[in-house]
Every structure is written in C-alpha cells, then in structure tokens.
Amino acid sequence: MTHYLIEFRFQGRAKSEIKKLVYEVDRKFRLKYVKRKRPVPHATIVAPFYTKNQKRLVRDFIDICNKHPLIRFNLQGYGCFDSSRVVFINIKPSKEMIDFRKDLIKKIKNYSKLVSYDYSKILGIFGRIGEYKPHVTIAMKVEDNKYQKVKNYIEKKKKLNIRYTLARATLIKGNRILYEYDFILRKVLNRSQAKNKKIHTKTIKGLKNN
C-alpha cells in the first residue's frame, strides 16, 4: 500500500518567520538539521496512513475541503518532546480545525490504515472527539548534549500568540504533493498548480484580505 499524509503548509509572513527561527536555532547550536531536512514549515492534519484506493481518497479529500469554511487558529508559545528531543512552536487548534480533521478521518477510515493515534485520539473509543495537539517543528532529534541548551533558548523566547488562517490543505503521496486544496481561491490544485508562483501570489493576496 502507498503512504499518504494530509498536512497544511504555512504561507506568507508566517512561513518566513518560522523558517527564520529554524535557521537561527540551527546555526546557533550547529544542529545541521537544515542540512538533513530542508525546512518546509507545516503541521500534520492526518498522520501518515495507507490505502489502495487513491481515487476515492482524492475525491473524499476534495469533498471534505469543499464543505469547510476558512479555518483559523493560533500559534501560541513553544513546546518540547523530551523523549524524541524535538522543539516546536505550539498550535492551539480551533474548533473548526478539529472538526475538519475529524471529518477527514471519518471519511477515509473505512478504506485506509490509520495510525492508532489518529483513530483513537480523534474518534475515541466512544466516538467522542479526542485531543489534537498540532505543532510546527523547529528542530528534531537534537543531540543529547545540545538538547537542554536548545530547549532553554526556546523557552526564553518571547511567547508567540499569532492568529493564522489555513490557506491550503495538502495531500501528500510518498514525499510529494499529490493535490492541494486552496481555501482562499476555493479550488483544488494538482502538483504543478500548487507550485505555480502566479497562483501562489493570488493565494497570498487573498490571504491578506481574510
């Protein structure tokens, strides 16, 4: 079965500010994270899953996106996963964001193999909406001798509290964009269109007005 992922990638000023922070931390502590993985500021909506029915997946992805209004949420402070030595920007999801993720999972769960986190946390044993803790990675798998220093540095940063509008949801196949849904332009984009600079400019202009 093929590996898929649904995420959103930051656009405009937020994207620039996040990348600036990633490079700042990487350079200051010589983490070499940027060399291992080109930073694409993003947050996961549905964790990596598997399905044999791509045609149905694409149709359902577009259908759910079409039914949801613009989604807004807050970037709020920083956090860490000590077990995996990850530092990140915390996202406080809105009800609209949680509902969007829940609707996606409900739609694809019958023909896809989801990770246990997505299925149990979102749908819950009794069908209740569980907790969703999205984040934006600043650095991951930090060396043991540097992790506490990076953590202390991040914790001393001025706390973020930024309102953001989710411009595009991205359906990934393997490590490549399969489709993106643009909530600003209200249209689905194939890989070529998603990477098109003229279309992206229209998205950014529209984002500034929302």
Protein backbone atom coordinates (compact mmCIF):
# COMPACT_ATOMS: atom_id res chain seq x y z
CA MET A 1 0.00 0.00 0.00
CA THR A 2 1.07 3.57 -0.72
CA HIS A 3 1.91 6.02 2.06
CA TYR A 4 -0.17 9.22 2.26
CA LEU A 5 -0.26 12.24 4.58
CA ILE A 6 -2.54 15.27 4.97
CA GLU A 7 -0.94 18.45 6.26
CA PHE A 8 -1.01 22.20 5.81
CA ARG A 9 1.96 24.30 4.82
CA PHE A 10 2.36 27.83 6.09
CA GLN A 11 2.15 30.67 3.60
CA GLY A 12 3.25 34.30 3.51
CA ARG A 13 4.74 36.07 6.52
CA ALA A 14 4.20 33.15 8.91
CA LYS A 15 6.22 30.86 6.65
CA SER A 16 9.09 33.37 6.51
CA GLU A 17 9.12 33.93 10.28
CA ILE A 18 9.09 30.21 11.07
CA LYS A 19 11.90 29.46 8.62
CA LYS A 20 13.91 32.34 10.10
CA LEU A 21 13.58 30.78 13.56
CA VAL A 22 14.53 27.30 12.28
CA TYR A 23 17.70 28.65 10.66
CA GLU A 24 18.51 30.78 13.72
CA VAL A 25 18.38 27.82 16.12
CA ASP A 26 20.17 25.53 13.68
CA ARG A 27 23.02 27.99 13.15
CA LYS A 28 23.38 28.98 16.82
CA PHE A 29 23.67 25.39 18.07
CA ARG A 30 25.19 23.84 14.92
CA LEU A 31 22.46 21.25 14.72
CA LYS A 32 22.79 20.53 10.99
CA TYR A 33 19.04 19.86 10.99
CA VAL A 34 18.63 22.10 7.93
CA LYS A 35 21.18 20.02 6.01
CA ARG A 36 19.36 16.79 6.88
CA LYS A 37 15.92 18.09 6.03
CA ARG A 38 15.00 21.21 4.05
CA PRO A 39 12.62 23.14 6.32
CA VAL A 40 9.06 23.34 4.99
CA PRO A 41 7.02 24.95 7.81
CA HIS A 42 3.96 22.75 8.18
CA ALA A 43 1.72 20.93 10.63
CA THR A 44 0.15 17.50 10.31
CA ILE A 45 -3.62 17.17 9.96
CA VAL A 46 -3.76 13.39 9.43
CA ALA A 47 -0.62 11.38 10.21
CA PRO A 48 0.90 9.01 7.60
CA PHE A 49 -1.65 6.39 6.55
CA TYR A 50 -2.04 3.74 3.87
CA THR A 51 -4.71 2.98 1.29
CA LYS A 52 -5.05 1.18 -2.03
CA ASN A 53 -7.88 3.43 -3.15
CA GLN A 54 -6.25 6.68 -4.23
CA LYS A 55 -9.15 7.69 -6.48
CA ARG A 56 -11.59 7.55 -3.58
CA LEU A 57 -9.13 9.28 -1.25
CA VAL A 58 -8.71 12.23 -3.62
CA ARG A 59 -12.47 12.51 -4.13
CA ASP A 60 -13.13 12.45 -0.37
CA PHE A 61 -10.32 14.91 0.36
CA ILE A 62 -11.77 17.42 -2.10
CA ASP A 63 -15.32 16.84 -0.89
CA ILE A 64 -14.46 17.49 2.78
CA CYS A 65 -12.40 20.58 1.91
CA ASN A 66 -15.26 21.97 -0.17
CA LYS A 67 -17.62 21.66 2.78
CA HIS A 68 -15.44 23.53 5.28
CA PRO A 69 -15.13 27.31 5.65
CA LEU A 70 -11.86 29.14 6.23
CA ILE A 71 -10.07 27.67 9.24
CA ARG A 72 -8.31 29.93 11.71
CA PHE A 73 -6.14 29.01 14.70
CA ASN A 74 -3.41 30.41 16.96
CA LEU A 75 0.33 29.88 17.07
CA GLN A 76 0.79 30.02 20.83
CA GLY A 77 4.13 29.60 22.58
CA TYR A 78 6.68 26.80 22.34
CA GLY A 79 6.98 23.22 23.47
CA CYS A 80 9.23 20.15 23.53
CA PHE A 81 9.03 16.38 23.25
CA ASP A 82 11.77 15.20 25.58
CA SER A 83 11.56 11.55 24.50
CA SER A 84 12.40 12.37 20.87
CA ARG A 85 14.32 15.61 21.57
CA VAL A 86 12.05 17.79 19.46
CA VAL A 87 11.44 21.52 19.97
CA PHE A 88 8.46 23.14 18.31
CA ILE A 89 6.01 26.02 18.02
CA ASN A 90 2.74 25.09 19.66
CA ILE A 91 -0.55 25.38 17.78
CA LYS A 92 -3.80 25.94 19.62
CA PRO A 93 -6.35 24.40 17.28
CA SER A 94 -9.75 25.99 16.82
CA LYS A 95 -13.00 24.02 16.83
CA GLU A 96 -13.13 24.45 13.04
CA MET A 97 -9.67 22.92 12.71
CA ILE A 98 -10.54 19.96 14.96
CA ASP A 99 -13.80 19.37 13.09
CA PHE A 100 -12.00 19.44 9.74
CA ARG A 101 -9.54 16.78 10.86
CA LYS A 102 -12.29 14.67 12.41
CA ASP A 103 -14.36 14.79 9.21
CA LEU A 104 -11.36 13.74 7.11
CA ILE A 105 -10.64 10.75 9.35
CA LYS A 106 -14.27 9.68 9.50
CA LYS A 107 -14.39 9.75 5.72
CA ILE A 108 -11.22 7.79 4.97
CA LYS A 109 -11.03 5.37 7.91
CA ASN A 110 -13.15 2.65 6.25
CA TYR A 111 -10.68 2.07 3.40
CA SER A 112 -7.41 3.29 4.92
CA LYS A 113 -4.98 2.05 7.55
CA LEU A 114 -4.59 4.90 10.02
CA VAL A 115 -2.09 5.11 12.83
CA SER A 116 -3.62 4.35 16.22
CA TYR A 117 -3.09 7.96 17.37
CA ASP A 118 -5.38 9.40 14.73
CA TYR A 119 -8.12 6.84 15.13
CA SER A 120 -8.24 6.64 18.93
CA LYS A 121 -7.50 10.26 19.72
CA ILE A 122 -9.94 11.76 17.24
CA LEU A 123 -12.80 9.31 17.20
CA GLY A 124 -12.20 7.88 20.66
CA ILE A 125 -13.42 4.56 21.98
CA PHE A 126 -16.90 6.00 22.46
CA GLY A 127 -16.91 8.13 19.34
CA ARG A 128 -16.00 11.36 21.11
CA ILE A 129 -13.59 13.92 19.70
CA GLY A 130 -10.24 13.48 21.38
CA GLU A 131 -7.38 15.88 21.97
CA TYR A 132 -5.45 17.23 19.00
CA LYS A 133 -2.01 18.76 19.58
CA PRO A 134 -0.59 20.04 16.30
CA HIS A 135 2.81 21.74 16.24
CA VAL A 136 5.44 23.17 13.93
CA THR A 137 8.87 21.57 14.29
CA ILE A 138 11.84 23.88 14.88
CA ALA A 139 14.40 21.09 15.34
CA MET A 140 14.20 17.35 15.89
CA LYS A 141 16.46 14.55 17.07
CA VAL A 142 18.71 17.12 18.72
CA GLU A 143 21.95 15.65 20.08
CA ASP A 144 21.78 14.77 23.78
CA ASN A 145 24.50 17.23 24.75
CA LYS A 146 22.73 20.12 22.99
CA TYR A 147 19.07 19.41 23.66
CA GLN A 148 18.76 21.13 27.05
CA LYS A 149 20.56 24.23 25.73
CA VAL A 150 18.22 24.45 22.74
CA LYS A 151 15.22 23.89 24.99
CA ASN A 152 16.31 26.66 27.39
CA TYR A 153 16.93 29.03 24.48
CA ILE A 154 13.47 28.46 23.03
CA GLU A 155 11.75 28.75 26.41
CA LYS A 156 13.32 32.19 26.92
CA LYS A 157 11.95 33.46 23.61
CA LYS A 158 9.08 35.95 23.66
CA LYS A 159 5.88 33.92 23.72
CA LEU A 160 4.07 33.75 20.41
CA ASN A 161 0.39 34.50 20.08
CA ILE A 162 -0.36 34.83 16.38
CA ARG A 163 -3.69 34.35 14.63
CA TYR A 164 -3.35 32.42 11.37
CA THR A 165 -5.68 31.42 8.54
CA LEU A 166 -5.17 27.99 6.97
CA ALA A 167 -4.78 28.81 3.28
CA ARG A 168 -4.18 25.35 1.78
CA ALA A 169 -4.55 21.73 2.85
CA THR A 170 -2.05 19.40 1.20
CA LEU A 171 -2.47 15.74 0.29
CA ILE A 172 0.96 14.10 0.13
CA LYS A 173 1.76 10.83 -1.64
CA GLY A 174 5.12 9.45 -0.57
CA ASN A 175 7.09 12.67 -0.14
CA ARG A 176 5.48 14.59 -2.99
CA ILE A 177 2.45 16.85 -3.26
CA LEU A 178 -0.43 14.97 -4.88
CA TYR A 179 -3.07 17.69 -4.55
CA GLU A 180 -3.63 20.87 -2.59
CA TYR A 181 -6.95 22.44 -1.78
CA ASP A 182 -6.82 26.23 -1.73
CA PHE A 183 -9.34 27.61 0.78
CA ILE A 184 -8.70 31.17 -0.39
CA LEU A 185 -9.31 30.53 -4.10
CA ARG A 186 -11.77 27.71 -3.37
CA LYS A 187 -10.25 25.30 -5.86
CA VAL A 188 -8.24 22.08 -5.96
CA LEU A 189 -4.69 22.28 -7.33
CA ASN A 190 -2.58 19.49 -8.81
CA ARG A 191 1.14 19.34 -8.01
CA SER A 192 2.10 21.66 -10.86
CA GLN A 193 -0.55 24.22 -9.95
CA ALA A 194 0.33 24.01 -6.24
CA LYS A 195 3.91 25.01 -7.07
CA ASN A 196 2.90 27.68 -9.60
CA LYS A 197 4.13 31.12 -8.48
CA LYS A 198 1.33 33.09 -10.17
CA ILE A 199 -1.36 31.03 -8.46
CA HIS A 200 0.54 31.26 -5.17
CA THR A 201 0.62 35.07 -5.49
CA LYS A 202 -3.17 35.09 -5.86
CA THR A 203 -3.45 32.95 -2.74
CA ILE A 204 -1.23 35.28 -0.71
CA LYS A 205 -3.17 38.37 -1.87
CA GLY A 206 -6.41 36.68 -0.89
CA LEU A 207 -4.95 35.58 2.43
CA LYS A 208 -4.13 39.17 3.34
CA ASN A 209 -7.79 40.10 2.89
CA ASN A 210 -9.05 37.35 5.23
